[in-house]
Protein backbone atom coordinates (compact mmCIF):
# COMPACT_ATOMS: atom_id res chain seq x y z
CA MET A 1 -87.27 8.08 16.22
CA ARG A 2 -87.19 8.49 12.48
CA PRO A 3 -88.78 5.78 10.35
CA VAL A 4 -86.31 3.47 8.63
CA SER A 5 -86.69 2.69 4.96
CA LEU A 6 -84.91 -0.30 3.44
CA SER A 7 -84.46 -1.12 -0.20
CA PRO A 8 -85.87 -4.45 -1.38
CA VAL A 9 -82.33 -5.89 -1.42
CA GLN A 10 -81.72 -4.71 2.15
CA GLN A 11 -85.07 -6.09 3.26
CA ARG A 12 -84.24 -9.55 1.84
CA ARG A 13 -80.79 -9.34 3.43
CA LEU A 14 -82.37 -8.46 6.80
CA GLU A 15 -84.88 -11.30 6.52
CA ARG A 16 -82.15 -13.82 5.66
CA LEU A 17 -79.94 -12.57 8.50
CA ALA A 18 -82.80 -12.76 11.00
CA GLN A 19 -83.57 -16.31 9.93
CA ASP A 20 -79.91 -17.36 10.14
CA ALA A 21 -79.60 -15.75 13.58
CA GLY A 22 -82.84 -17.28 14.85
CA ARG A 23 -84.19 -13.84 15.76
CA SER A 24 -87.11 -11.71 14.70
CA ILE A 25 -86.65 -9.10 12.00
CA GLU A 26 -87.22 -6.37 14.60
CA GLN A 27 -84.53 -7.75 16.91
CA THR A 28 -82.10 -8.14 14.03
CA LEU A 29 -82.76 -4.65 12.68
CA LYS A 30 -81.70 -3.16 16.01
CA PHE A 31 -78.27 -4.78 15.68
CA VAL A 32 -77.94 -3.99 11.97
CA LEU A 33 -78.65 -0.32 12.63
CA ARG A 34 -76.07 -0.27 15.41
CA ASP A 35 -73.33 -2.43 13.84
CA GLY A 36 -74.04 -2.70 10.10
CA PHE A 37 -74.95 -5.62 7.87
CA GLU A 38 -71.39 -6.82 7.27
CA TYR A 39 -70.51 -7.10 10.95
CA CYS A 40 -73.80 -8.77 11.87
CA GLU A 41 -73.51 -11.26 9.01
CA TRP A 42 -69.91 -12.05 10.00
CA GLN A 43 -70.92 -12.48 13.63
CA VAL A 44 -73.75 -14.89 12.77
CA ARG A 45 -71.48 -16.90 10.44
CA GLU A 46 -68.79 -17.20 13.11
CA SER A 47 -71.31 -18.09 15.81
CA ARG A 48 -72.84 -20.82 13.67
CA ALA A 49 -69.38 -22.17 12.80
CA ALA A 50 -68.44 -22.26 16.50
CA ASP A 51 -71.69 -24.07 17.32
CA ALA A 52 -70.96 -26.63 14.58
CA ASP A 53 -67.41 -27.14 15.91
CA ALA A 54 -68.76 -27.67 19.43
CA ARG A 55 -71.22 -30.28 18.15
CA ARG A 56 -68.52 -32.00 16.10
CA LEU A 57 -65.65 -31.85 18.59
CA GLY A 58 -67.55 -31.75 21.86
CA THR A 59 -67.08 -29.42 24.77
CA THR A 60 -65.56 -29.55 28.22
CA THR A 61 -66.35 -27.87 31.50
CA HIS A 62 -64.72 -24.73 32.83
CA GLU A 63 -63.40 -26.69 35.82
CA ILE A 64 -61.57 -29.20 33.61
CA VAL A 65 -60.00 -26.48 31.49
CA MET A 66 -58.86 -24.58 34.58
CA ARG A 67 -57.34 -27.75 36.07
CA GLN A 68 -55.50 -28.48 32.83
CA ALA A 69 -54.21 -24.89 32.70
CA ARG A 70 -52.99 -25.07 36.32
CA ASP A 71 -51.29 -28.42 35.63
CA LEU A 72 -49.54 -26.97 32.58
CA ILE A 73 -48.34 -23.92 34.53
CA ASP A 74 -47.14 -26.08 37.41
CA SER A 75 -45.29 -28.35 35.01
CA ALA A 76 -43.56 -25.38 33.35
CA ARG A 77 -42.54 -23.99 36.76
CA SER A 78 -41.14 -27.38 37.81
CA ARG A 79 -39.05 -27.63 34.63
CA ARG A 80 -37.72 -24.12 35.20
CA ARG A 81 -36.71 -24.95 38.80
CA LEU A 82 -34.93 -28.08 37.63
CA GLY A 83 -33.06 -26.09 34.98
CA ALA A 84 -34.57 -28.03 32.12
């Protein structure tokens, strides 16, 4: 594998991204080389925003969501059968 050389700006960007992602610089570099800085930065931002939403709004279990989805589908089918 060829050595990778980063500019000082890229190095700071990588360090900041690794810190935001909670990963090592080496782990983060692997993803940056594969996907690019912009995508990785977007992905970390969105992940952190989703985590914040989950803390703020709470979460629910898969079983509850599936039950609610089945109830909604059943309700729609019942309305259709009744001609509503």
